[in-house]
Amino acid sequence: MSRPLIAIPARFAATTSALRYAAEVNARALVEAVWRAGGEPATIHPAENGTAGRLARFDGLLLPGGGDLAPHRYGVTDAHDSVYDVDDLQDSFDLAAAEYALVAGLPLLAICRGLQVVNTALGGTLHQDMGGPGREHRHVRHPVALAAGSVLARATGTDKVEASCYHHQHVDRLGEGLTVTARAADGTVEGLELPGGAGWFAAVQWHPEDTAAEDPSQQRLFEALVQAAGAPR
């Protein structure tokens, strides 16, 4: 049987040692997690137009982590000093991809920046910075509680996960229709879902790919995406 084809938008890298010049990349751990789950990971180029037509050939979409969204995307005119790696093309493509997947019912797993993209696409806002060292969730592993019966709880098979986080921003106002289904002990939103959505969807603020190779509960998120992608639509 052929593997469900999972689109993963590339992230722009200014330099890469193996390629000598600027590159378009995705984390190896992320790609390998999709592969282990039975999917065919396909890195795709962010482009200005034609997002819907390009994604129509895929069975699922994974929106990965990356740099910050431009604050103007969620209605803020002044950028905080900590905002980094903003790219207008990346923002435009990710937002269009999220909107297409949610409307078309294309199975979607959104990770870290991906969660923030979905929240923004649905009219939500972000806290630009969590307050610096001691407040942000960078290089942090901590427990995250999952709502009973949620997509995340069913996918992971548990009501609590040990999450590997790397983010300095988090959800402020929820996008339309979204529900919080995971939180850290400090109250930070760590998971979102869209009850009644057109297709399978889950968003996590943490990076499940960091520990998926040794933590079955994290790997099951990718398996849930691939399973949904392989089902008839």
C-alpha atoms as a PDB file:
ATOM      1  CA  MET A   1       0.000   0.000   0.000  1.00  0.00           C
ATOM      2  CA  SER A   2       1.177   3.521  -0.753  1.00  0.00           C
ATOM      3  CA  ARG A   3       1.934   5.817   2.149  1.00  0.00           C
ATOM      4  CA  PRO A   4      -0.388   8.798   2.736  1.00  0.00           C
ATOM      5  CA  LEU A   5       1.331  11.901   1.379  1.00  0.00           C
ATOM      6  CA  ILE A   6       1.920  14.501   4.121  1.00  0.00           C
ATOM      7  CA  ALA A   7       2.803  18.060   3.061  1.00  0.00           C
ATOM      8  CA  ILE A   8       5.237  19.895   5.356  1.00  0.00           C
ATOM      9  CA  PRO A   9       5.959  23.526   4.441  1.00  0.00           C
ATOM     10  CA  ALA A  10       9.682  24.238   4.303  1.00  0.00           C
ATOM     11  CA  ARG A  11      11.342  26.672   6.678  1.00  0.00           C
ATOM     12  CA  PHE A  12      13.856  29.156   5.294  1.00  0.00           C
ATOM     13  CA  ALA A  13      17.422  28.806   6.599  1.00  0.00           C
ATOM     14  CA  ALA A  14      19.973  31.552   5.969  1.00  0.00           C
ATOM     15  CA  THR A  15      22.874  29.080   5.940  1.00  0.00           C
ATOM     16  CA  THR A  16      23.359  25.312   5.974  1.00  0.00           C
ATOM     17  CA  SER A  17      26.806  23.771   6.193  1.00  0.00           C
ATOM     18  CA  ALA A  18      26.138  20.893   3.798  1.00  0.00           C
ATOM     19  CA  LEU A  19      24.574  23.034   1.065  1.00  0.00           C
ATOM     20  CA  ARG A  20      26.814  26.145   1.392  1.00  0.00           C
ATOM     21  CA  TYR A  21      23.992  28.585   0.657  1.00  0.00           C
ATOM     22  CA  ALA A  22      20.549  29.548   1.951  1.00  0.00           C
ATOM     23  CA  ALA A  23      18.205  26.576   2.034  1.00  0.00           C
ATOM     24  CA  GLU A  24      14.673  25.365   2.627  1.00  0.00           C
ATOM     25  CA  VAL A  25      14.601  22.806   5.418  1.00  0.00           C
ATOM     26  CA  ASN A  26      12.588  20.749   7.876  1.00  0.00           C
ATOM     27  CA  ALA A  27      13.769  19.124  11.083  1.00  0.00           C
ATOM     28  CA  ARG A  28      14.990  15.575  10.531  1.00  0.00           C
ATOM     29  CA  ALA A  29      13.241  14.421  13.723  1.00  0.00           C
ATOM     30  CA  LEU A  30       9.935  15.729  12.352  1.00  0.00           C
ATOM     31  CA  VAL A  31      10.313  14.027   8.985  1.00  0.00           C
ATOM     32  CA  GLU A  32      11.356  10.762  10.632  1.00  0.00           C
ATOM     33  CA  ALA A  33       8.360  10.842  12.972  1.00  0.00           C
ATOM     34  CA  VAL A  34       6.005  11.083   9.982  1.00  0.00           C
ATOM     35  CA  TRP A  35       7.879   8.254   8.242  1.00  0.00           C
ATOM     36  CA  ARG A  36       7.733   5.987  11.304  1.00  0.00           C
ATOM     37  CA  ALA A  37       3.992   6.658  11.453  1.00  0.00           C
ATOM     38  CA  GLY A  38       3.608   5.277   7.930  1.00  0.00           C
ATOM     39  CA  GLY A  39       3.376   8.582   6.091  1.00  0.00           C
ATOM     40  CA  GLU A  40       5.334   9.889   3.122  1.00  0.00           C
ATOM     41  CA  PRO A  41       6.714  13.274   4.288  1.00  0.00           C
ATOM     42  CA  ALA A  42       7.027  15.834   1.500  1.00  0.00           C
ATOM     43  CA  THR A  43       8.688  19.196   2.117  1.00  0.00           C
ATOM     44  CA  ILE A  44       6.952  21.814  -0.033  1.00  0.00           C
ATOM     45  CA  HIS A  45       8.092  25.238  -1.132  1.00  0.00           C
ATOM     46  CA  PRO A  46       6.215  28.254   0.311  1.00  0.00           C
ATOM     47  CA  ALA A  47       4.948  30.291  -2.629  1.00  0.00           C
ATOM     48  CA  GLU A  48       2.735  33.317  -3.090  1.00  0.00           C
ATOM     49  CA  ASN A  49      -0.185  31.814  -4.996  1.00  0.00           C
ATOM     50  CA  GLY A  50      -1.970  28.570  -5.751  1.00  0.00           C
ATOM     51  CA  THR A  51      -1.863  27.127  -2.247  1.00  0.00           C
ATOM     52  CA  ALA A  52      -5.243  25.386  -2.483  1.00  0.00           C
ATOM     53  CA  GLY A  53      -4.465  23.741  -5.804  1.00  0.00           C
ATOM     54  CA  ARG A  54      -1.082  22.539  -4.590  1.00  0.00           C
ATOM     55  CA  LEU A  55      -2.408  21.088  -1.342  1.00  0.00           C
ATOM     56  CA  ALA A  56      -5.332  19.338  -3.032  1.00  0.00           C
ATOM     57  CA  ARG A  57      -2.996  16.539  -4.157  1.00  0.00           C
ATOM     58  CA  PHE A  58      -1.915  15.750  -0.573  1.00  0.00           C
ATOM     59  CA  ASP A  59      -3.561  13.489   2.001  1.00  0.00           C
ATOM     60  CA  GLY A  60      -2.550  15.512   5.060  1.00  0.00           C
ATOM     61  CA  LEU A  61      -0.749  18.645   6.216  1.00  0.00           C
ATOM     62  CA  LEU A  62       1.754  19.186   9.013  1.00  0.00           C
ATOM     63  CA  LEU A  63       2.469  22.801   9.974  1.00  0.00           C
ATOM     64  CA  PRO A  64       5.833  22.734  11.775  1.00  0.00           C
ATOM     65  CA  GLY A  65       7.588  25.079  14.173  1.00  0.00           C
ATOM     66  CA  GLY A  66       9.649  28.035  13.021  1.00  0.00           C
ATOM     67  CA  GLY A  67      10.168  31.750  13.526  1.00  0.00           C
ATOM     68  CA  ASP A  68       7.575  34.222  14.768  1.00  0.00           C
ATOM     69  CA  LEU A  69       4.560  35.447  12.846  1.00  0.00           C
ATOM     70  CA  ALA A  70       4.641  39.153  12.037  1.00  0.00           C
ATOM     71  CA  PRO A  71       2.564  40.859  14.760  1.00  0.00           C
ATOM     72  CA  HIS A  72       0.520  42.754  12.176  1.00  0.00           C
ATOM     73  CA  ARG A  73      -0.930  39.383  11.152  1.00  0.00           C
ATOM     74  CA  TYR A  74      -2.939  39.402  14.377  1.00  0.00           C
ATOM     75  CA  GLY A  75      -3.595  43.127  14.513  1.00  0.00           C
ATOM     76  CA  VAL A  76      -0.615  44.429  16.534  1.00  0.00           C
ATOM     77  CA  THR A  77       1.303  47.374  15.081  1.00  0.00           C
ATOM     78  CA  ASP A  78       4.389  47.399  17.331  1.00  0.00           C
ATOM     79  CA  ALA A  79       6.664  44.365  17.403  1.00  0.00           C
ATOM     80  CA  HIS A  80       8.241  43.312  20.701  1.00  0.00           C
ATOM     81  CA  ASP A  81      12.057  43.324  20.711  1.00  0.00           C
ATOM     82  CA  SER A  82      12.092  39.540  21.101  1.00  0.00           C
ATOM     83  CA  VAL A  83      10.206  38.829  17.859  1.00  0.00           C
ATOM     84  CA  TYR A  84      12.552  36.993  15.481  1.00  0.00           C
ATOM     85  CA  ASP A  85      12.903  35.387  12.037  1.00  0.00           C
ATOM     86  CA  VAL A  86       9.770  36.996  10.606  1.00  0.00           C
ATOM     87  CA  ASP A  87       9.281  36.227   6.917  1.00  0.00           C
ATOM     88  CA  ASP A  88       6.314  37.624   5.001  1.00  0.00           C
ATOM     89  CA  LEU A  89       6.254  34.839   2.402  1.00  0.00           C
ATOM     90  CA  GLN A  90       6.381  32.168   5.079  1.00  0.00           C
ATOM     91  CA  ASP A  91       3.526  33.834   6.961  1.00  0.00           C
ATOM     92  CA  SER A  92       1.356  34.202   3.862  1.00  0.00           C
ATOM     93  CA  PHE A  93       1.833  30.602   2.815  1.00  0.00           C
ATOM     94  CA  ASP A  94       1.314  29.072   6.261  1.00  0.00           C
ATOM     95  CA  LEU A  95      -1.849  31.081   6.881  1.00  0.00           C
ATOM     96  CA  ALA A  96      -3.265  30.154   3.472  1.00  0.00           C
ATOM     97  CA  ALA A  97      -2.360  26.498   4.030  1.00  0.00           C
ATOM     98  CA  ALA A  98      -4.063  26.438   7.428  1.00  0.00           C
ATOM     99  CA  GLU A  99      -7.196  28.079   6.056  1.00  0.00           C
ATOM    100  CA  TYR A 100      -7.374  25.621   3.166  1.00  0.00           C
ATOM    101  CA  ALA A 101      -6.903  22.549   5.371  1.00  0.00           C
ATOM    102  CA  LEU A 102      -9.546  23.617   7.881  1.00  0.00           C
ATOM    103  CA  VAL A 103     -12.133  24.391   5.203  1.00  0.00           C
ATOM    104  CA  ALA A 104     -11.377  21.407   2.954  1.00  0.00           C
ATOM    105  CA  GLY A 105     -11.128  18.919   5.809  1.00  0.00           C
ATOM    106  CA  LEU A 106      -7.514  18.048   5.000  1.00  0.00           C
ATOM    107  CA  PRO A 107      -6.124  16.313   8.128  1.00  0.00           C
ATOM    108  CA  LEU A 108      -3.898  18.802   9.918  1.00  0.00           C
ATOM    109  CA  LEU A 109      -1.385  18.569  12.738  1.00  0.00           C
ATOM    110  CA  ALA A 110      -0.032  21.979  13.779  1.00  0.00           C
ATOM    111  CA  ILE A 111       3.108  22.187  15.920  1.00  0.00           C
ATOM    112  CA  CYS A 112       4.403  25.218  17.899  1.00  0.00           C
ATOM    113  CA  ARG A 113       4.412  28.043  15.306  1.00  0.00           C
ATOM    114  CA  GLY A 114       1.847  25.952  13.466  1.00  0.00           C
ATOM    115  CA  LEU A 115      -0.565  26.247  16.402  1.00  0.00           C
ATOM    116  CA  GLN A 116      -0.040  30.010  16.422  1.00  0.00           C
ATOM    117  CA  VAL A 117      -0.658  30.136  12.671  1.00  0.00           C
ATOM    118  CA  VAL A 118      -4.003  28.343  13.045  1.00  0.00           C
ATOM    119  CA  ASN A 119      -5.059  30.567  15.927  1.00  0.00           C
ATOM    120  CA  THR A 120      -4.172  33.655  13.865  1.00  0.00           C
ATOM    121  CA  ALA A 121      -5.881  32.320  10.726  1.00  0.00           C
ATOM    122  CA  LEU A 122      -9.111  32.010  12.730  1.00  0.00           C
ATOM    123  CA  GLY A 123      -8.903  35.575  14.043  1.00  0.00           C
ATOM    124  CA  GLY A 124      -7.104  34.933  17.333  1.00  0.00           C
ATOM    125  CA  THR A 125      -4.159  36.824  18.809  1.00  0.00           C
ATOM    126  CA  LEU A 126      -0.837  36.018  20.472  1.00  0.00           C
ATOM    127  CA  HIS A 127       1.155  37.283  23.425  1.00  0.00           C
ATOM    128  CA  GLN A 128       4.317  38.459  21.675  1.00  0.00           C
ATOM    129  CA  ASP A 129       6.559  37.485  24.592  1.00  0.00           C
ATOM    130  CA  MET A 130       6.040  35.456  27.769  1.00  0.00           C
ATOM    131  CA  GLY A 131       8.292  37.636  29.915  1.00  0.00           C
ATOM    132  CA  GLY A 132      11.868  36.557  29.267  1.00  0.00           C
ATOM    133  CA  PRO A 133      14.041  33.978  31.064  1.00  0.00           C
ATOM    134  CA  GLY A 134      12.174  32.124  33.765  1.00  0.00           C
ATOM    135  CA  ARG A 135       8.817  32.757  32.091  1.00  0.00           C
ATOM    136  CA  GLU A 136       9.296  31.542  28.537  1.00  0.00           C
ATOM    137  CA  HIS A 137       9.178  27.885  27.541  1.00  0.00           C
ATOM    138  CA  ARG A 138      12.525  27.522  25.786  1.00  0.00           C
ATOM    139  CA  HIS A 139      14.555  24.339  26.271  1.00  0.00           C
ATOM    140  CA  VAL A 140      11.879  23.187  28.715  1.00  0.00           C
ATOM    141  CA  ARG A 141      10.352  19.781  29.322  1.00  0.00           C
ATOM    142  CA  HIS A 142       7.289  19.835  31.531  1.00  0.00           C
ATOM    143  CA  PRO A 143       4.007  17.995  32.096  1.00  0.00           C
ATOM    144  CA  VAL A 144       1.001  19.066  30.063  1.00  0.00           C
ATOM    145  CA  ALA A 145      -2.533  18.053  31.022  1.00  0.00           C
ATOM    146  CA  LEU A 146      -4.871  16.949  28.221  1.00  0.00           C
ATOM    147  CA  ALA A 147      -8.649  17.325  28.401  1.00  0.00           C
ATOM    148  CA  ALA A 148     -10.447  14.010  28.809  1.00  0.00           C
ATOM    149  CA  GLY A 149     -12.018  12.804  25.568  1.00  0.00           C
ATOM    150  CA  SER A 150     -10.172  15.353  23.450  1.00  0.00           C
ATOM    151  CA  VAL A 151      -8.555  14.563  20.110  1.00  0.00           C
ATOM    152  CA  LEU A 152      -5.176  14.923  21.818  1.00  0.00           C
ATOM    153  CA  ALA A 153      -6.058  12.564  24.662  1.00  0.00           C
ATOM    154  CA  ARG A 154      -7.419   9.958  22.260  1.00  0.00           C
ATOM    155  CA  ALA A 155      -4.420  10.267  19.952  1.00  0.00           C
ATOM    156  CA  THR A 156      -1.770  10.039  22.676  1.00  0.00           C
ATOM    157  CA  GLY A 157      -3.650   7.497  24.780  1.00  0.00           C
ATOM    158  CA  THR A 158      -3.158   9.492  27.982  1.00  0.00           C
ATOM    159  CA  ASP A 159      -4.373  12.537  29.913  1.00  0.00           C
ATOM    160  CA  LYS A 160      -0.882  13.886  30.626  1.00  0.00           C
ATOM    161  CA  VAL A 161       2.268  14.078  28.504  1.00  0.00           C
ATOM    162  CA  GLU A 162       5.823  15.164  29.123  1.00  0.00           C
ATOM    163  CA  ALA A 163       6.191  17.932  26.555  1.00  0.00           C
ATOM    164  CA  SER A 164       9.376  19.297  25.011  1.00  0.00           C
ATOM    165  CA  CYS A 165       8.851  23.019  24.464  1.00  0.00           C
ATOM    166  CA  TYR A 166      10.675  25.795  22.672  1.00  0.00           C
ATOM    167  CA  HIS A 167       8.571  28.941  22.461  1.00  0.00           C
ATOM    168  CA  HIS A 168       8.520  32.469  23.853  1.00  0.00           C
ATOM    169  CA  GLN A 169       5.023  33.333  22.639  1.00  0.00           C
ATOM    170  CA  HIS A 170       1.633  31.814  23.367  1.00  0.00           C
ATOM    171  CA  VAL A 171      -2.058  32.160  22.629  1.00  0.00           C
ATOM    172  CA  ASP A 172      -3.844  35.265  23.895  1.00  0.00           C
ATOM    173  CA  ARG A 173      -7.354  35.453  22.402  1.00  0.00           C
ATOM    174  CA  LEU A 174      -8.639  32.218  20.898  1.00  0.00           C
ATOM    175  CA  GLY A 175      -9.479  32.064  17.216  1.00  0.00           C
ATOM    176  CA  GLU A 176     -13.098  31.486  16.240  1.00  0.00           C
ATOM    177  CA  GLY A 177     -14.372  28.014  17.096  1.00  0.00           C
ATOM    178  CA  LEU A 178     -11.167  26.821  18.775  1.00  0.00           C
ATOM    179  CA  THR A 179     -11.173  25.055  22.134  1.00  0.00           C
ATOM    180  CA  VAL A 180      -8.254  24.717  24.559  1.00  0.00           C
ATOM    181  CA  THR A 181      -7.640  21.027  25.263  1.00  0.00           C
ATOM    182  CA  ALA A 182      -4.154  21.113  26.814  1.00  0.00           C
ATOM    183  CA  ARG A 183      -2.445  23.379  29.344  1.00  0.00           C
ATOM    184  CA  ALA A 184       0.856  23.544  31.192  1.00  0.00           C
ATOM    185  CA  ALA A 185       0.883  23.895  34.975  1.00  0.00           C
ATOM    186  CA  ASP A 186       1.366  27.673  34.638  1.00  0.00           C
ATOM    187  CA  GLY A 187      -1.811  27.935  32.569  1.00  0.00           C
ATOM    188  CA  THR A 188      -0.122  28.335  29.184  1.00  0.00           C
ATOM    189  CA  VAL A 189      -2.268  27.050  26.323  1.00  0.00           C
ATOM    190  CA  GLU A 190      -0.517  23.951  24.980  1.00  0.00           C
ATOM    191  CA  GLY A 191      -3.186  22.402  22.766  1.00  0.00           C
ATOM    192  CA  LEU A 192      -6.092  23.499  20.562  1.00  0.00           C
ATOM    193  CA  GLU A 193      -8.860  21.702  18.715  1.00  0.00           C
ATOM    194  CA  LEU A 194     -11.777  22.712  16.510  1.00  0.00           C
ATOM    195  CA  PRO A 195     -14.961  20.882  17.528  1.00  0.00           C
ATOM    196  CA  GLY A 196     -17.198  20.253  14.558  1.00  0.00           C
ATOM    197  CA  GLY A 197     -14.408  20.980  12.077  1.00  0.00           C
ATOM    198  CA  ALA A 198     -14.458  19.568   8.558  1.00  0.00           C
ATOM    199  CA  GLY A 199     -11.590  17.123   9.165  1.00  0.00           C
ATOM    200  CA  TRP A 200      -9.167  15.710  11.707  1.00  0.00           C
ATOM    201  CA  PHE A 201      -7.236  18.510  13.402  1.00  0.00           C
ATOM    202  CA  ALA A 202      -4.994  18.909  16.428  1.00  0.00           C
ATOM    203  CA  ALA A 203      -2.561  21.654  17.413  1.00  0.00           C
ATOM    204  CA  VAL A 204       0.144  21.501  20.071  1.00  0.00           C
ATOM    205  CA  GLN A 205       2.382  24.281  21.349  1.00  0.00           C
ATOM    206  CA  TRP A 206       5.146  21.818  22.168  1.00  0.00           C
ATOM    207  CA  HIS A 207       7.425  19.831  19.828  1.00  0.00           C
ATOM    208  CA  PRO A 208       6.357  16.159  19.846  1.00  0.00           C
ATOM    209  CA  GLU A 209       9.056  15.297  17.311  1.00  0.00           C
ATOM    210  CA  ASP A 210      11.755  16.045  19.912  1.00  0.00           C
ATOM    211  CA  THR A 211      10.916  12.932  21.927  1.00  0.00           C
ATOM    212  CA  ALA A 212       8.742  10.847  19.577  1.00  0.00           C
ATOM    213  CA  ALA A 213      11.488   8.301  18.935  1.00  0.00           C
ATOM    214  CA  GLU A 214      11.491   7.244  22.601  1.00  0.00           C
ATOM    215  CA  ASP A 215       8.054   8.384  23.815  1.00  0.00           C
ATOM    216  CA  PRO A 216       5.142   6.412  22.278  1.00  0.00           C
ATOM    217  CA  SER A 217       2.575   8.999  23.382  1.00  0.00           C
ATOM    218  CA  GLN A 218       4.319  11.653  21.267  1.00  0.00           C
ATOM    219  CA  GLN A 219       4.754   9.330  18.288  1.00  0.00           C
ATOM    220  CA  ARG A 220       1.032   8.542  18.378  1.00  0.00           C
ATOM    221  CA  LEU A 221       0.254  12.141  17.391  1.00  0.00           C
ATOM    222  CA  PHE A 222       1.969  11.524  14.061  1.00  0.00           C
ATOM    223  CA  GLU A 223       0.266   8.156  13.747  1.00  0.00           C
ATOM    224  CA  ALA A 224      -3.116   9.814  14.281  1.00  0.00           C
ATOM    225  CA  LEU A 225      -2.358  12.329  11.518  1.00  0.00           C
ATOM    226  CA  VAL A 226      -1.266   9.622   9.083  1.00  0.00           C
ATOM    227  CA  GLN A 227      -4.239   7.411   9.940  1.00  0.00           C
ATOM    228  CA  ALA A 228      -6.622  10.298   9.276  1.00  0.00           C
ATOM    229  CA  ALA A 229      -4.770  11.112   6.057  1.00  0.00           C
ATOM    230  CA  GLY A 230      -5.185   7.538   4.870  1.00  0.00           C
ATOM    231  CA  ALA A 231      -8.938   7.447   5.491  1.00  0.00           C
ATOM    232  CA  PRO A 232     -11.414   8.260   2.690  1.00  0.00           C
ATOM    233  CA  ARG A 233     -12.573  11.898   2.595  1.00  0.00           C
END
